[in-house]
Structure formats: structure tokens, C-alpha cells
Amino acid sequence: MWYEILPSFFIITAALGLPGWGLYHIHNLTLGNHFRRTMDDRWDRIMYQRDVRLTGDPYNVNGLETIPDK
């Protein structure tokens, strides 16, 4: 019958869904943010280093108030 496919469907769905769901929470535990900041492009790496240098935390929203006055 058609319902015999349901156990296989749930196993495959869990195998594909659990790693993404787990990484969502692992990033929150390790980084303090649910989403990992990508470093694929050179521009992203430069902006990450800039945010760390200016605020110490690359995941906070940075505005003009975070740039120190000289």
C-alpha cells in the first residue's frame, strides 16, 4: 500500500534536515549568533576584520557611533 513508504520518507527527511537544524543551534552556542558569517569573498573577510577591529564583536550592528573619534 501507499503508506508503506512513510517510514522511509521520515528517515530520509530527518537525515537531510537534522544537520541544518543542528548547525543552527551549534552556531548559537559557539558564536553567539544563529547564522555563521561567510568568508567566501575577499570583501567579506575585509569587513569581518574591520568589524572586529572597531567593535570587538563582528556580529553586532555597526553604525557611525562605533567609529572612534580621533
PDB file of N, CA and C in Angstrom:
ATOM      1  N   MET A   1       0.821  -1.182   0.000  1.00  0.00           N
ATOM      2  CA  MET A   1       0.000   0.000   0.000  1.00  0.00           C
ATOM      3  C   MET A   1       0.873   1.258   0.000  1.00  0.00           C
ATOM      4  N   TRP A   2       0.219   2.385  -0.198  1.00  0.00           N
ATOM      5  CA  TRP A   2       0.948   3.643  -0.326  1.00  0.00           C
ATOM      6  C   TRP A   2       1.583   4.071   0.980  1.00  0.00           C
ATOM      7  N   TYR A   3       1.037   3.696   2.118  1.00  0.00           N
ATOM      8  CA  TYR A   3       1.555   4.135   3.415  1.00  0.00           C
ATOM      9  C   TYR A   3       2.838   3.409   3.826  1.00  0.00           C
ATOM     10  N   GLU A   4       3.238   2.404   3.091  1.00  0.00           N
ATOM     11  CA  GLU A   4       4.485   1.693   3.398  1.00  0.00           C
ATOM     12  C   GLU A   4       5.721   2.554   3.103  1.00  0.00           C
ATOM     13  N   ILE A   5       5.546   3.601   2.330  1.00  0.00           N
ATOM     14  CA  ILE A   5       6.662   4.493   2.010  1.00  0.00           C
ATOM     15  C   ILE A   5       6.909   5.513   3.114  1.00  0.00           C
ATOM     16  N   LEU A   6       5.974   5.703   4.027  1.00  0.00           N
ATOM     17  CA  LEU A   6       6.093   6.732   5.060  1.00  0.00           C
ATOM     18  C   LEU A   6       7.300   6.562   5.983  1.00  0.00           C
ATOM     19  N   PRO A   7       7.622   5.365   6.500  1.00  0.00           N
ATOM     20  CA  PRO A   7       8.821   5.261   7.348  1.00  0.00           C
ATOM     21  C   PRO A   7      10.105   5.671   6.616  1.00  0.00           C
ATOM     22  N   SER A   8      10.240   5.239   5.371  1.00  0.00           N
ATOM     23  CA  SER A   8      11.422   5.628   4.594  1.00  0.00           C
ATOM     24  C   SER A   8      11.446   7.130   4.350  1.00  0.00           C
ATOM     25  N   PHE A   9      10.305   7.713   4.093  1.00  0.00           N
ATOM     26  CA  PHE A   9      10.217   9.151   3.870  1.00  0.00           C
ATOM     27  C   PHE A   9      10.655   9.925   5.111  1.00  0.00           C
ATOM     28  N   PHE A  10      10.199   9.504   6.287  1.00  0.00           N
ATOM     29  CA  PHE A  10      10.559  10.196   7.519  1.00  0.00           C
ATOM     30  C   PHE A  10      12.042  10.030   7.852  1.00  0.00           C
ATOM     31  N   ILE A  11      12.605   8.878   7.570  1.00  0.00           N
ATOM     32  CA  ILE A  11      14.030   8.654   7.825  1.00  0.00           C
ATOM     33  C   ILE A  11      14.874   9.549   6.923  1.00  0.00           C
ATOM     34  N   ILE A  12      14.535   9.601   5.648  1.00  0.00           N
ATOM     35  CA  ILE A  12      15.293  10.439   4.711  1.00  0.00           C
ATOM     36  C   ILE A  12      15.128  11.916   5.041  1.00  0.00           C
ATOM     37  N   THR A  13      13.919  12.319   5.381  1.00  0.00           N
ATOM     38  CA  THR A  13      13.675  13.724   5.745  1.00  0.00           C
ATOM     39  C   THR A  13      14.469  14.110   6.984  1.00  0.00           C
ATOM     40  N   ALA A  14      14.514  13.231   7.976  1.00  0.00           N
ATOM     41  CA  ALA A  14      15.278  13.518   9.196  1.00  0.00           C
ATOM     42  C   ALA A  14      16.771  13.563   8.899  1.00  0.00           C
ATOM     43  N   ALA A  15      17.255  12.658   8.055  1.00  0.00           N
ATOM     44  CA  ALA A  15      18.681  12.629   7.729  1.00  0.00           C
ATOM     45  C   ALA A  15      19.111  13.891   6.988  1.00  0.00           C
ATOM     46  N   LEU A  16      18.233  14.453   6.197  1.00  0.00           N
ATOM     47  CA  LEU A  16      18.574  15.676   5.470  1.00  0.00           C
ATOM     48  C   LEU A  16      18.315  16.942   6.289  1.00  0.00           C
ATOM     49  N   GLY A  17      17.378  16.902   7.213  1.00  0.00           N
ATOM     50  CA  GLY A  17      17.002  18.096   7.951  1.00  0.00           C
ATOM     51  C   GLY A  17      17.752  18.312   9.245  1.00  0.00           C
ATOM     52  N   LEU A  18      18.144  17.249   9.920  1.00  0.00           N
ATOM     53  CA  LEU A  18      18.789  17.389  11.230  1.00  0.00           C
ATOM     54  C   LEU A  18      20.148  18.087  11.191  1.00  0.00           C
ATOM     55  N   PRO A  19      20.998  17.853  10.204  1.00  0.00           N
ATOM     56  CA  PRO A  19      22.278  18.590  10.207  1.00  0.00           C
ATOM     57  C   PRO A  19      22.110  20.107  10.120  1.00  0.00           C
ATOM     58  N   GLY A  20      21.213  20.580   9.287  1.00  0.00           N
ATOM     59  CA  GLY A  20      20.978  22.026   9.190  1.00  0.00           C
ATOM     60  C   GLY A  20      20.378  22.586  10.457  1.00  0.00           C
ATOM     61  N   TRP A  21      19.447  21.867  11.040  1.00  0.00           N
ATOM     62  CA  TRP A  21      18.826  22.299  12.287  1.00  0.00           C
ATOM     63  C   TRP A  21      19.854  22.297  13.415  1.00  0.00           C
ATOM     64  N   GLY A  22      20.721  21.276  13.444  1.00  0.00           N
ATOM     65  CA  GLY A  22      21.742  21.200  14.485  1.00  0.00           C
ATOM     66  C   GLY A  22      22.772  22.316  14.362  1.00  0.00           C
ATOM     67  N   LEU A  23      23.201  22.622  13.143  1.00  0.00           N
ATOM     68  CA  LEU A  23      24.182  23.693  12.954  1.00  0.00           C
ATOM     69  C   LEU A  23      23.618  25.047  13.371  1.00  0.00           C
ATOM     70  N   TYR A  24      22.341  25.238  13.160  1.00  0.00           N
ATOM     71  CA  TYR A  24      21.686  26.477  13.584  1.00  0.00           C
ATOM     72  C   TYR A  24      21.896  26.706  15.076  1.00  0.00           C
ATOM     73  N   HIS A  25      21.746  25.661  15.868  1.00  0.00           N
ATOM     74  CA  HIS A  25      21.884  25.785  17.320  1.00  0.00           C
ATOM     75  C   HIS A  25      23.346  25.707  17.772  1.00  0.00           C
ATOM     76  N   ILE A  26      24.178  24.963  17.067  1.00  0.00           N
ATOM     77  CA  ILE A  26      25.601  24.904  17.403  1.00  0.00           C
ATOM     78  C   ILE A  26      26.245  26.270  17.184  1.00  0.00           C
ATOM     79  N   HIS A  27      25.862  26.965  16.115  1.00  0.00           N
ATOM     80  CA  HIS A  27      26.400  28.310  15.876  1.00  0.00           C
ATOM     81  C   HIS A  27      25.973  29.261  16.978  1.00  0.00           C
ATOM     82  N   ASN A  28      24.780  29.087  17.495  1.00  0.00           N
ATOM     83  CA  ASN A  28      24.329  29.937  18.595  1.00  0.00           C
ATOM     84  C   ASN A  28      25.156  29.671  19.849  1.00  0.00           C
ATOM     85  N   LEU A  29      25.482  28.428  20.104  1.00  0.00           N
ATOM     86  CA  LEU A  29      26.264  28.098  21.296  1.00  0.00           C
ATOM     87  C   LEU A  29      27.711  28.575  21.185  1.00  0.00           C
ATOM     88  N   THR A  30      28.321  28.399  20.015  1.00  0.00           N
ATOM     89  CA  THR A  30      29.739  28.710  19.873  1.00  0.00           C
ATOM     90  C   THR A  30      29.996  30.160  19.489  1.00  0.00           C
ATOM     91  N   LEU A  31      29.153  30.724  18.614  1.00  0.00           N
ATOM     92  CA  LEU A  31      29.401  32.067  18.090  1.00  0.00           C
ATOM     93  C   LEU A  31      28.534  33.131  18.744  1.00  0.00           C
ATOM     94  N   GLY A  32      27.459  32.722  19.404  1.00  0.00           N
ATOM     95  CA  GLY A  32      26.532  33.692  19.955  1.00  0.00           C
ATOM     96  C   GLY A  32      25.609  34.268  18.898  1.00  0.00           C
ATOM     97  N   ASN A  33      25.553  33.631  17.753  1.00  0.00           N
ATOM     98  CA  ASN A  33      24.723  34.085  16.648  1.00  0.00           C
ATOM     99  C   ASN A  33      24.210  32.837  15.935  1.00  0.00           C
ATOM    100  N   HIS A  34      22.972  32.857  15.467  1.00  0.00           N
ATOM    101  CA  HIS A  34      22.423  31.670  14.829  1.00  0.00           C
ATOM    102  C   HIS A  34      22.995  31.432  13.434  1.00  0.00           C
ATOM    103  N   PHE A  35      23.496  32.451  12.797  1.00  0.00           N
ATOM    104  CA  PHE A  35      23.959  32.306  11.428  1.00  0.00           C
ATOM    105  C   PHE A  35      25.453  32.574  11.353  1.00  0.00           C
ATOM    106  N   ARG A  36      26.165  31.675  10.705  1.00  0.00           N
ATOM    107  CA  ARG A  36      27.605  31.833  10.534  1.00  0.00           C
ATOM    108  C   ARG A  36      27.859  32.911   9.496  1.00  0.00           C
ATOM    109  N   ARG A  37      28.809  33.764   9.786  1.00  0.00           N
ATOM    110  CA  ARG A  37      29.159  34.816   8.839  1.00  0.00           C
ATOM    111  C   ARG A  37      30.085  34.224   7.795  1.00  0.00           C
ATOM    112  N   THR A  38      29.763  34.378   6.532  1.00  0.00           N
ATOM    113  CA  THR A  38      30.531  33.749   5.470  1.00  0.00           C
ATOM    114  C   THR A  38      31.816  34.525   5.199  1.00  0.00           C
ATOM    115  N   MET A  39      32.812  33.805   4.778  1.00  0.00           N
ATOM    116  CA  MET A  39      34.102  34.397   4.415  1.00  0.00           C
ATOM    117  C   MET A  39      34.473  33.984   2.993  1.00  0.00           C
ATOM    118  N   ASP A  40      33.478  33.918   2.121  1.00  0.00           N
ATOM    119  CA  ASP A  40      33.721  33.436   0.769  1.00  0.00           C
ATOM    120  C   ASP A  40      34.477  34.449  -0.077  1.00  0.00           C
ATOM    121  N   ASP A  41      34.109  35.699   0.030  1.00  0.00           N
ATOM    122  CA  ASP A  41      34.718  36.735  -0.809  1.00  0.00           C
ATOM    123  C   ASP A  41      35.755  37.517  -0.013  1.00  0.00           C
ATOM    124  N   ARG A  42      36.637  38.149  -0.729  1.00  0.00           N
ATOM    125  CA  ARG A  42      37.659  38.984  -0.096  1.00  0.00           C
ATOM    126  C   ARG A  42      37.015  40.152   0.646  1.00  0.00           C
ATOM    127  N   TRP A  43      35.962  40.711   0.053  1.00  0.00           N
ATOM    128  CA  TRP A  43      35.265  41.840   0.680  1.00  0.00           C
ATOM    129  C   TRP A  43      34.673  41.430   2.026  1.00  0.00           C
ATOM    130  N   ASP A  44      34.105  40.250   2.112  1.00  0.00           N
ATOM    131  CA  ASP A  44      33.526  39.779   3.372  1.00  0.00           C
ATOM    132  C   ASP A  44      34.601  39.632   4.448  1.00  0.00           C
ATOM    133  N   ARG A  45      35.772  39.133   4.071  1.00  0.00           N
ATOM    134  CA  ARG A  45      36.867  38.990   5.038  1.00  0.00           C
ATOM    135  C   ARG A  45      37.356  40.352   5.522  1.00  0.00           C
ATOM    136  N   ILE A  46      37.433  41.322   4.619  1.00  0.00           N
ATOM    137  CA  ILE A  46      37.862  42.670   4.992  1.00  0.00           C
ATOM    138  C   ILE A  46      36.861  43.297   5.954  1.00  0.00           C
ATOM    139  N   MET A  47      35.556  43.142   5.665  1.00  0.00           N
ATOM    140  CA  MET A  47      34.524  43.722   6.528  1.00  0.00           C
ATOM    141  C   MET A  47      34.492  43.025   7.886  1.00  0.00           C
ATOM    142  N   TYR A  48      34.745  41.725   7.916  1.00  0.00           N
ATOM    143  CA  TYR A  48      34.808  40.990   9.184  1.00  0.00           C
ATOM    144  C   TYR A  48      35.955  41.518  10.046  1.00  0.00           C
ATOM    145  N   GLN A  49      37.128  41.670   9.434  1.00  0.00           N
ATOM    146  CA  GLN A  49      38.286  42.178  10.171  1.00  0.00           C
ATOM    147  C   GLN A  49      38.065  43.615  10.624  1.00  0.00           C
ATOM    148  N   ARG A  50      37.396  44.416   9.810  1.00  0.00           N
ATOM    149  CA  ARG A  50      37.093  45.797  10.189  1.00  0.00           C
ATOM    150  C   ARG A  50      36.165  45.841  11.402  1.00  0.00           C
ATOM    151  N   ASP A  51      35.130  45.007  11.386  1.00  0.00           N
ATOM    152  CA  ASP A  51      34.180  44.991  12.493  1.00  0.00           C
ATOM    153  C   ASP A  51      34.838  44.505  13.780  1.00  0.00           C
ATOM    154  N   VAL A  52      35.723  43.529  13.671  1.00  0.00           N
ATOM    155  CA  VAL A  52      36.441  43.054  14.864  1.00  0.00           C
ATOM    156  C   VAL A  52      37.347  44.153  15.396  1.00  0.00           C
ATOM    157  N   ARG A  53      38.006  44.860  14.504  1.00  0.00           N
ATOM    158  CA  ARG A  53      38.919  45.919  14.926  1.00  0.00           C
ATOM    159  C   ARG A  53      38.170  47.081  15.583  1.00  0.00           C
ATOM    160  N   LEU A  54      37.017  47.447  15.028  1.00  0.00           N
ATOM    161  CA  LEU A  54      36.301  48.609  15.542  1.00  0.00           C
ATOM    162  C   LEU A  54      35.502  48.322  16.809  1.00  0.00           C
ATOM    163  N   THR A  55      34.822  47.181  16.849  1.00  0.00           N
ATOM    164  CA  THR A  55      33.911  46.931  17.967  1.00  0.00           C
ATOM    165  C   THR A  55      34.310  45.736  18.814  1.00  0.00           C
ATOM    166  N   GLY A  56      35.130  44.855  18.298  1.00  0.00           N
ATOM    167  CA  GLY A  56      35.492  43.655  19.040  1.00  0.00           C
ATOM    168  C   GLY A  56      34.513  42.517  18.837  1.00  0.00           C
ATOM    169  N   ASP A  57      33.355  42.787  18.264  1.00  0.00           N
ATOM    170  CA  ASP A  57      32.360  41.750  18.008  1.00  0.00           C
ATOM    171  C   ASP A  57      31.840  41.921  16.586  1.00  0.00           C
ATOM    172  N   PRO A  58      32.130  40.998  15.693  1.00  0.00           N
ATOM    173  CA  PRO A  58      31.727  41.172  14.299  1.00  0.00           C
ATOM    174  C   PRO A  58      30.246  40.964  14.057  1.00  0.00           C
ATOM    175  N   TYR A  59      29.484  40.527  15.056  1.00  0.00           N
ATOM    176  CA  TYR A  59      28.076  40.218  14.844  1.00  0.00           C
ATOM    177  C   TYR A  59      27.142  41.329  15.307  1.00  0.00           C
ATOM    178  N   ASN A  60      27.665  42.352  15.946  1.00  0.00           N
ATOM    179  CA  ASN A  60      26.837  43.493  16.316  1.00  0.00           C
ATOM    180  C   ASN A  60      26.636  44.393  15.113  1.00  0.00           C
ATOM    181  N   VAL A  61      25.508  45.075  15.100  1.00  0.00           N
ATOM    182  CA  VAL A  61      25.249  46.033  14.032  1.00  0.00           C
ATOM    183  C   VAL A  61      26.150  47.242  14.270  1.00  0.00           C
ATOM    184  N   ASN A  62      26.921  47.600  13.271  1.00  0.00           N
ATOM    185  CA  ASN A  62      27.883  48.698  13.403  1.00  0.00           C
ATOM    186  C   ASN A  62      27.365  49.923  12.669  1.00  0.00           C
ATOM    187  N   GLY A  63      27.371  51.030  13.371  1.00  0.00           N
ATOM    188  CA  GLY A  63      26.986  52.292  12.758  1.00  0.00           C
ATOM    189  C   GLY A  63      28.102  53.294  12.940  1.00  0.00           C
ATOM    190  N   LEU A  64      27.816  54.541  12.625  1.00  0.00           N
ATOM    191  CA  LEU A  64      28.829  55.580  12.763  1.00  0.00           C
ATOM    192  C   LEU A  64      29.227  55.822  14.211  1.00  0.00           C
ATOM    193  N   GLU A  65      28.337  55.481  15.141  1.00  0.00           N
ATOM    194  CA  GLU A  65      28.665  55.701  16.551  1.00  0.00           C
ATOM    195  C   GLU A  65      29.752  54.749  17.046  1.00  0.00           C
ATOM    196  N   THR A  66      30.033  53.684  16.321  1.00  0.00           N
ATOM    197  CA  THR A  66      31.070  52.740  16.750  1.00  0.00           C
ATOM    198  C   THR A  66      32.463  53.154  16.286  1.00  0.00           C
ATOM    199  N   ILE A  67      32.553  54.081  15.344  1.00  0.00           N
ATOM    200  CA  ILE A  67      33.849  54.535  14.871  1.00  0.00           C
ATOM    201  C   ILE A  67      34.392  55.559  15.861  1.00  0.00           C
ATOM    202  N   PRO A  68      35.560  55.308  16.415  1.00  0.00           N
ATOM    203  CA  PRO A  68      36.072  56.234  17.426  1.00  0.00           C
ATOM    204  C   PRO A  68      36.485  57.576  16.815  1.00  0.00           C
ATOM    205  N   ASP A  69      36.241  58.652  17.571  1.00  0.00           N
ATOM    206  CA  ASP A  69      36.699  59.968  17.157  1.00  0.00           C
ATOM    207  C   ASP A  69      38.160  60.115  17.512  1.00  0.00           C
ATOM    208  N   LYS A  70      38.906  60.783  16.631  1.00  0.00           N
ATOM    209  CA  LYS A  70      40.342  60.916  16.871  1.00  0.00           C
ATOM    210  C   LYS A  70      40.658  62.165  17.612  1.00  0.00           C
TER     211      LYS A  70
END
